[in-house]
Every structure is written in C-alpha cells, then in structure tokens.
Amino acid sequence: MNGYGQGEAAKALGIRPGTVKSRLHRALAKLAVLNAGTESVDQVHAAFVEARML
C-alpha cells in the first residue's frame, strides 16, 4: 500500500494487522485467478513482496 508495511497500513486504516494480511491474501488469490495462464502465483507474490505489500 504505497510503500507502507502491513503494520503501518493497519494503523493508517484503523484495523488489525491480521485483517490487512487476510485481505492481501484474498486480493493475491483473485489476481492469480485473473492472471491464470499469464503469470504464476509465485510471480504475482514476488511482485507484491517487492512492492512491500506483503
């Protein structure tokens, strides 16, 4: 989330860090389905990690 870590994102959103993690996990799963056949889940995950989202 714009360079924020999970803890920072949770604080900014007023939610628990576990909620941030679960929402990111669901979003990653949806992206994997949308990108089926074009990118592997690992590639999508790596992009998220690189962007400091996970």
N, C-alpha and C. Protein backbone atom coordinates (compact mmCIF):
# COMPACT_ATOMS: atom_id res chain seq x y z
N MET A 1 0.85 -1.17 0.00
CA MET A 1 0.00 0.00 0.00
C MET A 1 0.89 1.23 0.00
N ASN A 2 1.26 1.68 -1.14
CA ASN A 2 2.06 2.90 -1.31
C ASN A 2 3.31 2.92 -0.44
N GLY A 3 4.01 1.79 -0.37
CA GLY A 3 5.25 1.74 0.38
C GLY A 3 5.11 1.50 1.86
N TYR A 4 3.89 1.35 2.35
CA TYR A 4 3.66 1.09 3.76
C TYR A 4 3.82 -0.41 4.04
N GLY A 5 4.34 -0.74 5.21
CA GLY A 5 4.36 -2.13 5.65
C GLY A 5 2.97 -2.49 6.15
N GLN A 6 2.77 -3.77 6.48
CA GLN A 6 1.46 -4.22 6.93
C GLN A 6 1.03 -3.53 8.22
N GLY A 7 1.96 -3.38 9.15
CA GLY A 7 1.63 -2.72 10.42
C GLY A 7 1.25 -1.27 10.22
N GLU A 8 1.99 -0.58 9.36
CA GLU A 8 1.70 0.82 9.07
C GLU A 8 0.36 0.97 8.36
N ALA A 9 0.09 0.06 7.44
CA ALA A 9 -1.19 0.10 6.71
C ALA A 9 -2.35 -0.13 7.68
N ALA A 10 -2.18 -1.09 8.58
CA ALA A 10 -3.23 -1.39 9.56
C ALA A 10 -3.52 -0.17 10.43
N LYS A 11 -2.46 0.48 10.89
CA LYS A 11 -2.63 1.66 11.73
C LYS A 11 -3.32 2.78 10.96
N ALA A 12 -2.90 3.00 9.71
CA ALA A 12 -3.49 4.06 8.89
C ALA A 12 -4.97 3.80 8.60
N LEU A 13 -5.31 2.52 8.45
CA LEU A 13 -6.70 2.15 8.15
C LEU A 13 -7.54 1.94 9.40
N GLY A 14 -6.90 1.89 10.55
CA GLY A 14 -7.63 1.67 11.80
C GLY A 14 -8.14 0.25 11.96
N ILE A 15 -7.38 -0.71 11.39
CA ILE A 15 -7.76 -2.13 11.50
C ILE A 15 -6.58 -2.92 12.03
N ARG A 16 -6.84 -4.18 12.39
CA ARG A 16 -5.78 -5.02 12.94
C ARG A 16 -4.86 -5.52 11.82
N PRO A 17 -3.57 -5.75 12.15
CA PRO A 17 -2.63 -6.26 11.14
C PRO A 17 -3.09 -7.58 10.52
N GLY A 18 -3.73 -8.44 11.28
CA GLY A 18 -4.23 -9.70 10.74
C GLY A 18 -5.27 -9.49 9.65
N THR A 19 -6.05 -8.43 9.79
CA THR A 19 -7.05 -8.10 8.78
C THR A 19 -6.37 -7.67 7.49
N VAL A 20 -5.31 -6.89 7.62
CA VAL A 20 -4.54 -6.47 6.44
C VAL A 20 -3.99 -7.70 5.73
N LYS A 21 -3.40 -8.62 6.51
CA LYS A 21 -2.83 -9.84 5.92
C LYS A 21 -3.88 -10.65 5.18
N SER A 22 -5.03 -10.85 5.81
CA SER A 22 -6.05 -11.69 5.17
C SER A 22 -6.61 -11.02 3.92
N ARG A 23 -6.78 -9.71 3.96
CA ARG A 23 -7.29 -9.00 2.77
C ARG A 23 -6.28 -9.05 1.63
N LEU A 24 -5.00 -8.92 1.97
CA LEU A 24 -3.97 -9.01 0.93
C LEU A 24 -3.92 -10.42 0.35
N HIS A 25 -4.09 -11.41 1.20
CA HIS A 25 -4.09 -12.80 0.73
C HIS A 25 -5.24 -13.03 -0.25
N ARG A 26 -6.43 -12.55 0.11
CA ARG A 26 -7.58 -12.70 -0.79
C ARG A 26 -7.36 -11.97 -2.10
N ALA A 27 -6.80 -10.77 -2.02
CA ALA A 27 -6.54 -9.99 -3.24
C ALA A 27 -5.52 -10.70 -4.12
N LEU A 28 -4.50 -11.27 -3.50
CA LEU A 28 -3.48 -12.01 -4.25
C LEU A 28 -4.10 -13.22 -4.94
N ALA A 29 -4.98 -13.93 -4.25
CA ALA A 29 -5.66 -15.09 -4.84
C ALA A 29 -6.52 -14.66 -6.03
N LYS A 30 -7.23 -13.54 -5.90
CA LYS A 30 -8.06 -13.06 -7.01
C LYS A 30 -7.20 -12.66 -8.21
N LEU A 31 -6.07 -12.00 -7.94
CA LEU A 31 -5.16 -11.63 -9.03
C LEU A 31 -4.62 -12.87 -9.73
N ALA A 32 -4.31 -13.90 -8.95
CA ALA A 32 -3.79 -15.14 -9.53
C ALA A 32 -4.81 -15.75 -10.48
N VAL A 33 -6.09 -15.70 -10.11
CA VAL A 33 -7.15 -16.23 -10.97
C VAL A 33 -7.26 -15.38 -12.24
N LEU A 34 -7.22 -14.06 -12.07
CA LEU A 34 -7.32 -13.18 -13.23
C LEU A 34 -6.14 -13.33 -14.18
N ASN A 35 -4.98 -13.64 -13.62
CA ASN A 35 -3.77 -13.78 -14.43
C ASN A 35 -3.48 -15.23 -14.80
N ALA A 36 -4.44 -16.10 -14.59
CA ALA A 36 -4.24 -17.52 -14.87
C ALA A 36 -3.71 -17.71 -16.28
N GLY A 37 -2.63 -18.44 -16.37
CA GLY A 37 -2.02 -18.70 -17.66
C GLY A 37 -1.02 -17.65 -18.09
N THR A 38 -1.00 -16.50 -17.45
CA THR A 38 -0.05 -15.46 -17.85
C THR A 38 1.08 -15.32 -16.83
N GLU A 39 0.77 -15.48 -15.57
CA GLU A 39 1.78 -15.40 -14.52
C GLU A 39 1.47 -16.44 -13.47
N SER A 40 2.51 -16.94 -12.84
CA SER A 40 2.29 -17.89 -11.76
C SER A 40 1.97 -17.11 -10.48
N VAL A 41 1.39 -17.79 -9.52
CA VAL A 41 1.10 -17.18 -8.23
C VAL A 41 2.39 -16.68 -7.60
N ASP A 42 3.48 -17.44 -7.77
CA ASP A 42 4.77 -17.03 -7.21
C ASP A 42 5.24 -15.72 -7.82
N GLN A 43 5.02 -15.52 -9.10
CA GLN A 43 5.44 -14.27 -9.74
C GLN A 43 4.61 -13.10 -9.22
N VAL A 44 3.30 -13.31 -9.06
CA VAL A 44 2.43 -12.26 -8.53
C VAL A 44 2.84 -11.96 -7.09
N HIS A 45 3.08 -13.01 -6.30
CA HIS A 45 3.51 -12.84 -4.91
C HIS A 45 4.81 -12.06 -4.84
N ALA A 46 5.76 -12.40 -5.70
CA ALA A 46 7.05 -11.71 -5.72
C ALA A 46 6.87 -10.23 -6.03
N ALA A 47 5.95 -9.91 -6.91
CA ALA A 47 5.68 -8.51 -7.23
C ALA A 47 5.14 -7.77 -6.01
N PHE A 48 4.25 -8.43 -5.25
CA PHE A 48 3.72 -7.82 -4.04
C PHE A 48 4.81 -7.61 -3.01
N VAL A 49 5.64 -8.63 -2.82
CA VAL A 49 6.72 -8.54 -1.84
C VAL A 49 7.67 -7.41 -2.23
N GLU A 50 7.99 -7.34 -3.50
CA GLU A 50 8.88 -6.29 -3.99
C GLU A 50 8.30 -4.90 -3.73
N ALA A 51 6.99 -4.79 -3.80
CA ALA A 51 6.32 -3.52 -3.58
C ALA A 51 6.05 -3.27 -2.09
N ARG A 52 6.57 -4.14 -1.22
CA ARG A 52 6.42 -4.05 0.24
C ARG A 52 4.97 -4.16 0.66
N MET A 53 4.15 -4.90 -0.11
CA MET A 53 2.76 -5.04 0.26
C MET A 53 2.52 -6.27 1.11
N LEU A 54 3.41 -7.23 1.11
CA LEU A 54 3.27 -8.42 1.94
C LEU A 54 4.44 -8.54 2.86
